[in-house]
Amino acid sequence: MPAPRPRTRLVNFRVSDEEYATLRTACTRHGARSISDFARLAVLGWAGSTDLQATAMQWRLSALGHSMVELEGRVGHLLGELEGRGVPGSQAAVERTEPGR
C-alpha cells in the first residue's frame, strides 16, 4: 500500500444535527474510523479521485483492525466472566488460546 501523502489543506462545511447523526451512522456502517475519513472518501469518490481505491483499502484495513481489537476485548471479558463463575474448563480454554502456552 502506498504511503499516505501529508494532508495540508482543510475543507470545512456545516451540517444539521440530523445530517451529523446520518454521517455517524454511515461511518459505523462502512467502517470509517472518523467522519473526516468518511467525508473525504465520499467527496473524492464523487470528484473521481484516482486514489479512491487506495483510500478505500486503508479504510477497510483500519476498520478490520478496530474490529479485531474490539473482539479481543470482548473475548477477554467473556473468559473473565467464565473464570469468575467457576465454569469448568474455562482456564484450560484460556491456556489453549494464549500464544506461547
PDB file of N, CA and C in Angstrom:
ATOM      1  N   MET A   1       0.856  -1.178   0.000  1.00  0.00           N
ATOM      2  CA  MET A   1       0.000   0.000   0.000  1.00  0.00           C
ATOM      3  C   MET A   1       0.897   1.235   0.000  1.00  0.00           C
ATOM      4  N   PRO A   2       0.617   2.191  -0.856  1.00  0.00           N
ATOM      5  CA  PRO A   2       1.464   3.382  -0.924  1.00  0.00           C
ATOM      6  C   PRO A   2       1.370   4.206   0.362  1.00  0.00           C
ATOM      7  N   ALA A   3       2.474   4.869   0.667  1.00  0.00           N
ATOM      8  CA  ALA A   3       2.490   5.723   1.860  1.00  0.00           C
ATOM      9  C   ALA A   3       1.545   6.901   1.642  1.00  0.00           C
ATOM     10  N   PRO A   4       0.735   7.215   2.676  1.00  0.00           N
ATOM     11  CA  PRO A   4      -0.187   8.346   2.513  1.00  0.00           C
ATOM     12  C   PRO A   4       0.578   9.659   2.404  1.00  0.00           C
ATOM     13  N   ARG A   5       0.109  10.513   1.521  1.00  0.00           N
ATOM     14  CA  ARG A   5       0.719  11.835   1.380  1.00  0.00           C
ATOM     15  C   ARG A   5       0.204  12.735   2.497  1.00  0.00           C
ATOM     16  N   PRO A   6       1.029  13.658   2.958  1.00  0.00           N
ATOM     17  CA  PRO A   6       0.569  14.560   4.026  1.00  0.00           C
ATOM     18  C   PRO A   6      -0.617  15.389   3.548  1.00  0.00           C
ATOM     19  N   ARG A   7      -1.553  15.559   4.424  1.00  0.00           N
ATOM     20  CA  ARG A   7      -2.735  16.375   4.111  1.00  0.00           C
ATOM     21  C   ARG A   7      -2.537  17.748   4.737  1.00  0.00           C
ATOM     22  N   THR A   8      -2.420  18.740   3.897  1.00  0.00           N
ATOM     23  CA  THR A   8      -2.123  20.080   4.400  1.00  0.00           C
ATOM     24  C   THR A   8      -3.267  21.064   4.197  1.00  0.00           C
ATOM     25  N   ARG A   9      -4.296  20.664   3.475  1.00  0.00           N
ATOM     26  CA  ARG A   9      -5.425  21.554   3.193  1.00  0.00           C
ATOM     27  C   ARG A   9      -6.630  21.158   4.040  1.00  0.00           C
ATOM     28  N   LEU A  10      -7.414  22.149   4.415  1.00  0.00           N
ATOM     29  CA  LEU A  10      -8.601  21.926   5.231  1.00  0.00           C
ATOM     30  C   LEU A  10      -9.842  22.269   4.427  1.00  0.00           C
ATOM     31  N   VAL A  11     -10.795  21.349   4.402  1.00  0.00           N
ATOM     32  CA  VAL A  11     -12.092  21.582   3.783  1.00  0.00           C
ATOM     33  C   VAL A  11     -13.111  21.492   4.912  1.00  0.00           C
ATOM     34  N   ASN A  12     -13.972  22.501   4.995  1.00  0.00           N
ATOM     35  CA  ASN A  12     -14.870  22.620   6.130  1.00  0.00           C
ATOM     36  C   ASN A  12     -16.283  22.873   5.635  1.00  0.00           C
ATOM     37  N   PHE A  13     -17.272  22.204   6.239  1.00  0.00           N
ATOM     38  CA  PHE A  13     -18.664  22.505   5.925  1.00  0.00           C
ATOM     39  C   PHE A  13     -19.532  22.188   7.133  1.00  0.00           C
ATOM     40  N   ARG A  14     -20.657  22.839   7.226  1.00  0.00           N
ATOM     41  CA  ARG A  14     -21.562  22.676   8.351  1.00  0.00           C
ATOM     42  C   ARG A  14     -22.696  21.723   7.982  1.00  0.00           C
ATOM     43  N   VAL A  15     -23.179  20.998   9.000  1.00  0.00           N
ATOM     44  CA  VAL A  15     -24.314  20.091   8.824  1.00  0.00           C
ATOM     45  C   VAL A  15     -25.286  20.292   9.976  1.00  0.00           C
ATOM     46  N   SER A  16     -26.532  19.894   9.770  1.00  0.00           N
ATOM     47  CA  SER A  16     -27.532  19.957  10.835  1.00  0.00           C
ATOM     48  C   SER A  16     -27.315  18.778  11.792  1.00  0.00           C
ATOM     49  N   ASP A  17     -28.002  18.791  12.916  1.00  0.00           N
ATOM     50  CA  ASP A  17     -27.906  17.678  13.859  1.00  0.00           C
ATOM     51  C   ASP A  17     -28.319  16.367  13.200  1.00  0.00           C
ATOM     52  N   GLU A  18     -29.372  16.426  12.393  1.00  0.00           N
ATOM     53  CA  GLU A  18     -29.852  15.216  11.718  1.00  0.00           C
ATOM     54  C   GLU A  18     -28.828  14.707  10.700  1.00  0.00           C
ATOM     55  N   GLU A  19     -28.222  15.633   9.962  1.00  0.00           N
ATOM     56  CA  GLU A  19     -27.204  15.244   8.989  1.00  0.00           C
ATOM     57  C   GLU A  19     -25.985  14.648   9.692  1.00  0.00           C
ATOM     58  N   TYR A  20     -25.620  15.221  10.826  1.00  0.00           N
ATOM     59  CA  TYR A  20     -24.486  14.705  11.592  1.00  0.00           C
ATOM     60  C   TYR A  20     -24.762  13.280  12.064  1.00  0.00           C
ATOM     61  N   ALA A  21     -25.981  13.047  12.567  1.00  0.00           N
ATOM     62  CA  ALA A  21     -26.364  11.699  13.014  1.00  0.00           C
ATOM     63  C   ALA A  21     -26.302  10.716  11.840  1.00  0.00           C
ATOM     64  N   THR A  22     -26.745  11.159  10.668  1.00  0.00           N
ATOM     65  CA  THR A  22     -26.685  10.318   9.474  1.00  0.00           C
ATOM     66  C   THR A  22     -25.244   9.982   9.124  1.00  0.00           C
ATOM     67  N   LEU A  23     -24.346  10.961   9.215  1.00  0.00           N
ATOM     68  CA  LEU A  23     -22.927  10.726   8.937  1.00  0.00           C
ATOM     69  C   LEU A  23     -22.322   9.736   9.925  1.00  0.00           C
ATOM     70  N   ARG A  24     -22.645   9.886  11.203  1.00  0.00           N
ATOM     71  CA  ARG A  24     -22.115   8.959  12.214  1.00  0.00           C
ATOM     72  C   ARG A  24     -22.566   7.528  11.941  1.00  0.00           C
ATOM     73  N   THR A  25     -23.847   7.366  11.591  1.00  0.00           N
ATOM     74  CA  THR A  25     -24.373   6.042  11.276  1.00  0.00           C
ATOM     75  C   THR A  25     -23.663   5.463  10.060  1.00  0.00           C
ATOM     76  N   ALA A  26     -23.473   6.280   9.033  1.00  0.00           N
ATOM     77  CA  ALA A  26     -22.799   5.824   7.819  1.00  0.00           C
ATOM     78  C   ALA A  26     -21.351   5.432   8.105  1.00  0.00           C
ATOM     79  N   CYS A  27     -20.683   6.177   8.958  1.00  0.00           N
ATOM     80  CA  CYS A  27     -19.299   5.853   9.326  1.00  0.00           C
ATOM     81  C   CYS A  27     -19.220   4.472   9.959  1.00  0.00           C
ATOM     82  N   THR A  28     -20.121   4.218  10.883  1.00  0.00           N
ATOM     83  CA  THR A  28     -20.144   2.926  11.561  1.00  0.00           C
ATOM     84  C   THR A  28     -20.453   1.809  10.568  1.00  0.00           C
ATOM     85  N   ARG A  29     -21.445   2.025   9.733  1.00  0.00           N
ATOM     86  CA  ARG A  29     -21.875   1.008   8.771  1.00  0.00           C
ATOM     87  C   ARG A  29     -20.769   0.675   7.770  1.00  0.00           C
ATOM     88  N   HIS A  30     -19.995   1.668   7.367  1.00  0.00           N
ATOM     89  CA  HIS A  30     -18.969   1.458   6.352  1.00  0.00           C
ATOM     90  C   HIS A  30     -17.572   1.245   6.936  1.00  0.00           C
ATOM     91  N   GLY A  31     -17.440   1.279   8.250  1.00  0.00           N
ATOM     92  CA  GLY A  31     -16.150   1.005   8.873  1.00  0.00           C
ATOM     93  C   GLY A  31     -15.161   2.148   8.846  1.00  0.00           C
ATOM     94  N   ALA A  32     -15.629   3.352   8.619  1.00  0.00           N
ATOM     95  CA  ALA A  32     -14.722   4.502   8.627  1.00  0.00           C
ATOM     96  C   ALA A  32     -14.307   4.799  10.061  1.00  0.00           C
ATOM     97  N   ARG A  33     -13.079   5.215  10.254  1.00  0.00           N
ATOM     98  CA  ARG A  33     -12.619   5.486  11.619  1.00  0.00           C
ATOM     99  C   ARG A  33     -13.060   6.843  12.128  1.00  0.00           C
ATOM    100  N   SER A  34     -13.501   7.709  11.198  1.00  0.00           N
ATOM    101  CA  SER A  34     -13.960   9.029  11.619  1.00  0.00           C
ATOM    102  C   SER A  34     -14.863   9.625  10.547  1.00  0.00           C
ATOM    103  N   ILE A  35     -15.617  10.654  10.937  1.00  0.00           N
ATOM    104  CA  ILE A  35     -16.445  11.363   9.975  1.00  0.00           C
ATOM    105  C   ILE A  35     -15.553  12.029   8.928  1.00  0.00           C
ATOM    106  N   SER A  36     -14.417  12.522   9.337  1.00  0.00           N
ATOM    107  CA  SER A  36     -13.491  13.149   8.400  1.00  0.00           C
ATOM    108  C   SER A  36     -13.069  12.169   7.306  1.00  0.00           C
ATOM    109  N   ASP A  37     -12.678  10.943   7.700  1.00  0.00           N
ATOM    110  CA  ASP A  37     -12.284   9.947   6.710  1.00  0.00           C
ATOM    111  C   ASP A  37     -13.453   9.592   5.799  1.00  0.00           C
ATOM    112  N   PHE A  38     -14.626   9.435   6.399  1.00  0.00           N
ATOM    113  CA  PHE A  38     -15.807   9.093   5.605  1.00  0.00           C
ATOM    114  C   PHE A  38     -16.111  10.191   4.585  1.00  0.00           C
ATOM    115  N   ALA A  39     -16.123  11.436   5.049  1.00  0.00           N
ATOM    116  CA  ALA A  39     -16.421  12.561   4.163  1.00  0.00           C
ATOM    117  C   ALA A  39     -15.367  12.679   3.059  1.00  0.00           C
ATOM    118  N   ARG A  40     -14.100  12.489   3.417  1.00  0.00           N
ATOM    119  CA  ARG A  40     -13.018  12.578   2.421  1.00  0.00           C
ATOM    120  C   ARG A  40     -13.235  11.548   1.322  1.00  0.00           C
ATOM    121  N   LEU A  41     -13.495  10.281   1.709  1.00  0.00           N
ATOM    122  CA  LEU A  41     -13.673   9.240   0.713  1.00  0.00           C
ATOM    123  C   LEU A  41     -14.905   9.500  -0.142  1.00  0.00           C
ATOM    124  N   ALA A  42     -15.992   9.927   0.481  1.00  0.00           N
ATOM    125  CA  ALA A  42     -17.220  10.196  -0.272  1.00  0.00           C
ATOM    126  C   ALA A  42     -17.018  11.333  -1.273  1.00  0.00           C
ATOM    127  N   VAL A  43     -16.421  12.411  -0.818  1.00  0.00           N
ATOM    128  CA  VAL A  43     -16.217  13.573  -1.693  1.00  0.00           C
ATOM    129  C   VAL A  43     -15.236  13.232  -2.813  1.00  0.00           C
ATOM    130  N   LEU A  44     -14.149  12.563  -2.481  1.00  0.00           N
ATOM    131  CA  LEU A  44     -13.175  12.210  -3.513  1.00  0.00           C
ATOM    132  C   LEU A  44     -13.758  11.215  -4.509  1.00  0.00           C
ATOM    133  N   GLY A  45     -14.654  10.348  -4.033  1.00  0.00           N
ATOM    134  CA  GLY A  45     -15.321   9.419  -4.938  1.00  0.00           C
ATOM    135  C   GLY A  45     -16.171  10.152  -5.958  1.00  0.00           C
ATOM    136  N   TRP A  46     -16.923  11.147  -5.509  1.00  0.00           N
ATOM    137  CA  TRP A  46     -17.746  11.947  -6.412  1.00  0.00           C
ATOM    138  C   TRP A  46     -16.874  12.783  -7.339  1.00  0.00           C
ATOM    139  N   ALA A  47     -15.689  13.173  -6.863  1.00  0.00           N
ATOM    140  CA  ALA A  47     -14.802  14.008  -7.672  1.00  0.00           C
ATOM    141  C   ALA A  47     -13.976  13.185  -8.657  1.00  0.00           C
ATOM    142  N   GLY A  48     -14.046  11.855  -8.538  1.00  0.00           N
ATOM    143  CA  GLY A  48     -13.323  10.997  -9.473  1.00  0.00           C
ATOM    144  C   GLY A  48     -11.852  10.841  -9.136  1.00  0.00           C
ATOM    145  N   SER A  49     -11.509  10.816  -7.860  1.00  0.00           N
ATOM    146  CA  SER A  49     -10.114  10.686  -7.437  1.00  0.00           C
ATOM    147  C   SER A  49      -9.527   9.349  -7.880  1.00  0.00           C
ATOM    148  N   THR A  50      -8.288   9.380  -8.350  1.00  0.00           N
ATOM    149  CA  THR A  50      -7.601   8.148  -8.729  1.00  0.00           C
ATOM    150  C   THR A  50      -7.095   7.395  -7.508  1.00  0.00           C
ATOM    151  N   ASP A  51      -6.991   8.075  -6.369  1.00  0.00           N
ATOM    152  CA  ASP A  51      -6.527   7.437  -5.142  1.00  0.00           C
ATOM    153  C   ASP A  51      -7.680   6.788  -4.362  1.00  0.00           C
ATOM    154  N   LEU A  52      -8.859   6.747  -4.946  1.00  0.00           N
ATOM    155  CA  LEU A  52     -10.040   6.265  -4.240  1.00  0.00           C
ATOM    156  C   LEU A  52      -9.882   4.818  -3.785  1.00  0.00           C
ATOM    157  N   GLN A  53      -9.360   3.948  -4.643  1.00  0.00           N
ATOM    158  CA  GLN A  53      -9.214   2.551  -4.259  1.00  0.00           C
ATOM    159  C   GLN A  53      -8.232   2.391  -3.108  1.00  0.00           C
ATOM    160  N   ALA A  54      -7.129   3.115  -3.134  1.00  0.00           N
ATOM    161  CA  ALA A  54      -6.157   3.038  -2.050  1.00  0.00           C
ATOM    162  C   ALA A  54      -6.766   3.553  -0.754  1.00  0.00           C
ATOM    163  N   THR A  55      -7.523   4.632  -0.837  1.00  0.00           N
ATOM    164  CA  THR A  55      -8.175   5.192   0.350  1.00  0.00           C
ATOM    165  C   THR A  55      -9.199   4.210   0.894  1.00  0.00           C
ATOM    166  N   ALA A  56      -9.981   3.596   0.013  1.00  0.00           N
ATOM    167  CA  ALA A  56     -10.982   2.622   0.445  1.00  0.00           C
ATOM    168  C   ALA A  56     -10.307   1.435   1.118  1.00  0.00           C
ATOM    169  N   MET A  57      -9.180   0.990   0.597  1.00  0.00           N
ATOM    170  CA  MET A  57      -8.462  -0.136   1.205  1.00  0.00           C
ATOM    171  C   MET A  57      -7.925   0.250   2.581  1.00  0.00           C
ATOM    172  N   GLN A  58      -7.426   1.470   2.721  1.00  0.00           N
ATOM    173  CA  GLN A  58      -6.963   1.932   4.022  1.00  0.00           C
ATOM    174  C   GLN A  58      -8.114   1.922   5.023  1.00  0.00           C
ATOM    175  N   TRP A  59      -9.285   2.342   4.575  1.00  0.00           N
ATOM    176  CA  TRP A  59     -10.483   2.326   5.414  1.00  0.00           C
ATOM    177  C   TRP A  59     -10.787   0.924   5.895  1.00  0.00           C
ATOM    178  N   ARG A  60     -10.812   0.003   4.938  1.00  0.00           N
ATOM    179  CA  ARG A  60     -11.159  -1.375   5.286  1.00  0.00           C
ATOM    180  C   ARG A  60     -10.153  -1.973   6.268  1.00  0.00           C
ATOM    181  N   LEU A  61      -8.887  -1.710   6.052  1.00  0.00           N
ATOM    182  CA  LEU A  61      -7.866  -2.224   6.970  1.00  0.00           C
ATOM    183  C   LEU A  61      -7.999  -1.599   8.355  1.00  0.00           C
ATOM    184  N   SER A  62      -8.275  -0.319   8.404  1.00  0.00           N
ATOM    185  CA  SER A  62      -8.483   0.355   9.679  1.00  0.00           C
ATOM    186  C   SER A  62      -9.693  -0.220  10.401  1.00  0.00           C
ATOM    187  N   ALA A  63     -10.770  -0.432   9.669  1.00  0.00           N
ATOM    188  CA  ALA A  63     -11.987  -0.996  10.269  1.00  0.00           C
ATOM    189  C   ALA A  63     -11.733  -2.414  10.758  1.00  0.00           C
ATOM    190  N   LEU A  64     -10.987  -3.201   9.995  1.00  0.00           N
ATOM    191  CA  LEU A  64     -10.664  -4.562  10.398  1.00  0.00           C
ATOM    192  C   LEU A  64      -9.835  -4.568  11.680  1.00  0.00           C
ATOM    193  N   GLY A  65      -8.841  -3.699  11.750  1.00  0.00           N
ATOM    194  CA  GLY A  65      -8.028  -3.605  12.969  1.00  0.00           C
ATOM    195  C   GLY A  65      -8.861  -3.208  14.169  1.00  0.00           C
ATOM    196  N   HIS A  66      -9.753  -2.237  13.980  1.00  0.00           N
ATOM    197  CA  HIS A  66     -10.633  -1.805  15.059  1.00  0.00           C
ATOM    198  C   HIS A  66     -11.532  -2.951  15.515  1.00  0.00           C
ATOM    199  N   SER A  67     -12.082  -3.683  14.574  1.00  0.00           N
ATOM    200  CA  SER A  67     -12.958  -4.813  14.901  1.00  0.00           C
ATOM    201  C   SER A  67     -12.206  -5.900  15.656  1.00  0.00           C
ATOM    202  N   MET A  68     -10.968  -6.149  15.248  1.00  0.00           N
ATOM    203  CA  MET A  68     -10.182  -7.177  15.929  1.00  0.00           C
ATOM    204  C   MET A  68      -9.878  -6.785  17.369  1.00  0.00           C
ATOM    205  N   VAL A  69      -9.553  -5.526  17.599  1.00  0.00           N
ATOM    206  CA  VAL A  69      -9.289  -5.060  18.961  1.00  0.00           C
ATOM    207  C   VAL A  69     -10.551  -5.186  19.810  1.00  0.00           C
ATOM    208  N   GLU A  70     -11.679  -4.792  19.235  1.00  0.00           N
ATOM    209  CA  GLU A  70     -12.951  -4.900  19.959  1.00  0.00           C
ATOM    210  C   GLU A  70     -13.290  -6.357  20.263  1.00  0.00           C
ATOM    211  N   LEU A  71     -13.098  -7.237  19.308  1.00  0.00           N
ATOM    212  CA  LEU A  71     -13.375  -8.656  19.501  1.00  0.00           C
ATOM    213  C   LEU A  71     -12.461  -9.249  20.571  1.00  0.00           C
ATOM    214  N   GLU A  72     -11.197  -8.880  20.535  1.00  0.00           N
ATOM    215  CA  GLU A  72     -10.247  -9.370  21.537  1.00  0.00           C
ATOM    216  C   GLU A  72     -10.682  -8.953  22.941  1.00  0.00           C
ATOM    217  N   GLY A  73     -11.134  -7.709  23.078  1.00  0.00           N
ATOM    218  CA  GLY A  73     -11.602  -7.238  24.373  1.00  0.00           C
ATOM    219  C   GLY A  73     -12.833  -7.982  24.842  1.00  0.00           C
ATOM    220  N   ARG A  74     -13.756  -8.258  23.943  1.00  0.00           N
ATOM    221  CA  ARG A  74     -14.979  -8.977  24.304  1.00  0.00           C
ATOM    222  C   ARG A  74     -14.690 -10.419  24.694  1.00  0.00           C
ATOM    223  N   VAL A  75     -13.796 -11.070  23.953  1.00  0.00           N
ATOM    224  CA  VAL A  75     -13.432 -12.447  24.282  1.00  0.00           C
ATOM    225  C   VAL A  75     -12.748 -12.484  25.654  1.00  0.00           C
ATOM    226  N   GLY A  76     -11.855 -11.539  25.900  1.00  0.00           N
ATOM    227  CA  GLY A  76     -11.201 -11.469  27.212  1.00  0.00           C
ATOM    228  C   GLY A  76     -12.203 -11.262  28.330  1.00  0.00           C
ATOM    229  N   HIS A  77     -13.179 -10.395  28.093  1.00  0.00           N
ATOM    230  CA  HIS A  77     -14.210 -10.151  29.095  1.00  0.00           C
ATOM    231  C   HIS A  77     -15.030 -11.416  29.358  1.00  0.00           C
ATOM    232  N   LEU A  78     -15.431 -12.103  28.305  1.00  0.00           N
ATOM    233  CA  LEU A  78     -16.212 -13.328  28.451  1.00  0.00           C
ATOM    234  C   LEU A  78     -15.429 -14.411  29.198  1.00  0.00           C
ATOM    235  N   LEU A  79     -14.156 -14.551  28.864  1.00  0.00           N
ATOM    236  CA  LEU A  79     -13.333 -15.536  29.573  1.00  0.00           C
ATOM    237  C   LEU A  79     -13.209 -15.183  31.053  1.00  0.00           C
ATOM    238  N   GLY A  80     -13.067 -13.894  31.345  1.00  0.00           N
ATOM    239  CA  GLY A  80     -13.017 -13.464  32.740  1.00  0.00           C
ATOM    240  C   GLY A  80     -14.309 -13.780  33.469  1.00  0.00           C
ATOM    241  N   GLU A  81     -15.438 -13.559  32.812  1.00  0.00           N
ATOM    242  CA  GLU A  81     -16.738 -13.890  33.406  1.00  0.00           C
ATOM    243  C   GLU A  81     -16.841 -15.386  33.678  1.00  0.00           C
ATOM    244  N   LEU A  82     -16.402 -16.197  32.734  1.00  0.00           N
ATOM    245  CA  LEU A  82     -16.460 -17.644  32.919  1.00  0.00           C
ATOM    246  C   LEU A  82     -15.587 -18.092  34.091  1.00  0.00           C
ATOM    247  N   GLU A  83     -14.396 -17.549  34.176  1.00  0.00           N
ATOM    248  CA  GLU A  83     -13.499 -17.894  35.283  1.00  0.00           C
ATOM    249  C   GLU A  83     -14.091 -17.469  36.618  1.00  0.00           C
ATOM    250  N   GLY A  84     -14.703 -16.289  36.648  1.00  0.00           N
ATOM    251  CA  GLY A  84     -15.311 -15.784  37.870  1.00  0.00           C
ATOM    252  C   GLY A  84     -16.474 -16.630  38.344  1.00  0.00           C
ATOM    253  N   ARG A  85     -17.126 -17.306  37.436  1.00  0.00           N
ATOM    254  CA  ARG A  85     -18.261 -18.167  37.791  1.00  0.00           C
ATOM    255  C   ARG A  85     -17.836 -19.597  38.045  1.00  0.00           C
ATOM    256  N   GLY A  86     -16.550 -19.864  37.899  1.00  0.00           N
ATOM    257  CA  GLY A  86     -16.055 -21.211  38.160  1.00  0.00           C
ATOM    258  C   GLY A  86     -16.498 -22.226  37.126  1.00  0.00           C
ATOM    259  N   VAL A  87     -16.635 -21.804  35.888  1.00  0.00           N
ATOM    260  CA  VAL A  87     -17.047 -22.718  34.833  1.00  0.00           C
ATOM    261  C   VAL A  87     -15.901 -23.683  34.553  1.00  0.00           C
ATOM    262  N   PRO A  88     -16.175 -24.999  34.661  1.00  0.00           N
ATOM    263  CA  PRO A  88     -15.110 -25.983  34.423  1.00  0.00           C
ATOM    264  C   PRO A  88     -14.525 -25.829  33.018  1.00  0.00           C
ATOM    265  N   GLY A  89     -13.211 -25.891  32.936  1.00  0.00           N
ATOM    266  CA  GLY A  89     -12.534 -25.823  31.647  1.00  0.00           C
ATOM    267  C   GLY A  89     -12.253 -24.422  31.143  1.00  0.00           C
ATOM    268  N   SER A  90     -12.767 -23.375  31.820  1.00  0.00           N
ATOM    269  CA  SER A  90     -12.557 -22.032  31.294  1.00  0.00           C
ATOM    270  C   SER A  90     -11.086 -21.632  31.336  1.00  0.00           C
ATOM    271  N   GLN A  91     -10.354 -22.021  32.379  1.00  0.00           N
ATOM    272  CA  GLN A  91      -8.931 -21.691  32.454  1.00  0.00           C
ATOM    273  C   GLN A  91      -8.154 -22.487  31.418  1.00  0.00           C
ATOM    274  N   ALA A  92      -8.542 -23.724  31.196  1.00  0.00           N
ATOM    275  CA  ALA A  92      -7.879 -24.534  30.173  1.00  0.00           C
ATOM    276  C   ALA A  92      -8.080 -23.913  28.801  1.00  0.00           C
ATOM    277  N   ALA A  93      -9.271 -23.366  28.565  1.00  0.00           N
ATOM    278  CA  ALA A  93      -9.538 -22.732  27.276  1.00  0.00           C
ATOM    279  C   ALA A  93      -8.649 -21.521  27.092  1.00  0.00           C
ATOM    280  N   VAL A  94      -8.446 -20.756  28.173  1.00  0.00           N
ATOM    281  CA  VAL A  94      -7.563 -19.579  28.098  1.00  0.00           C
ATOM    282  C   VAL A  94      -6.146 -20.034  27.766  1.00  0.00           C
ATOM    283  N   GLU A  95      -5.671 -21.090  28.438  1.00  0.00           N
ATOM    284  CA  GLU A  95      -4.319 -21.549  28.218  1.00  0.00           C
ATOM    285  C   GLU A  95      -4.125 -22.064  26.793  1.00  0.00           C
ATOM    286  N   ARG A  96      -5.160 -22.684  26.215  1.00  0.00           N
ATOM    287  CA  ARG A  96      -5.039 -23.192  24.852  1.00  0.00           C
ATOM    288  C   ARG A  96      -5.052 -22.052  23.830  1.00  0.00           C
ATOM    289  N   THR A  97      -5.701 -20.948  24.120  1.00  0.00           N
ATOM    290  CA  THR A  97      -5.820 -19.880  23.124  1.00  0.00           C
ATOM    291  C   THR A  97      -4.742 -18.815  23.240  1.00  0.00           C
ATOM    292  N   GLU A  98      -4.033 -18.767  24.336  1.00  0.00           N
ATOM    293  CA  GLU A  98      -2.996 -17.748  24.501  1.00  0.00           C
ATOM    294  C   GLU A  98      -1.710 -18.214  23.839  1.00  0.00           C
ATOM    295  N   PRO A  99      -1.073 -17.365  23.034  1.00  0.00           N
ATOM    296  CA  PRO A  99       0.183 -17.732  22.379  1.00  0.00           C
ATOM    297  C   PRO A  99       1.281 -17.974  23.398  1.00  0.00           C
ATOM    298  N   GLY A 100       2.123 -18.943  23.098  1.00  0.00           N
ATOM    299  CA  GLY A 100       3.274 -19.190  23.949  1.00  0.00           C
ATOM    300  C   GLY A 100       2.981 -20.074  25.142  1.00  0.00           C
ATOM    301  N   ARG A 101       1.807 -20.603  25.250  1.00  0.00           N
ATOM    302  CA  ARG A 101       1.490 -21.521  26.357  1.00  0.00           C
ATOM    303  C   ARG A 101       1.478 -22.937  25.880  1.00  0.00           C
TER     304      ARG A 101
END
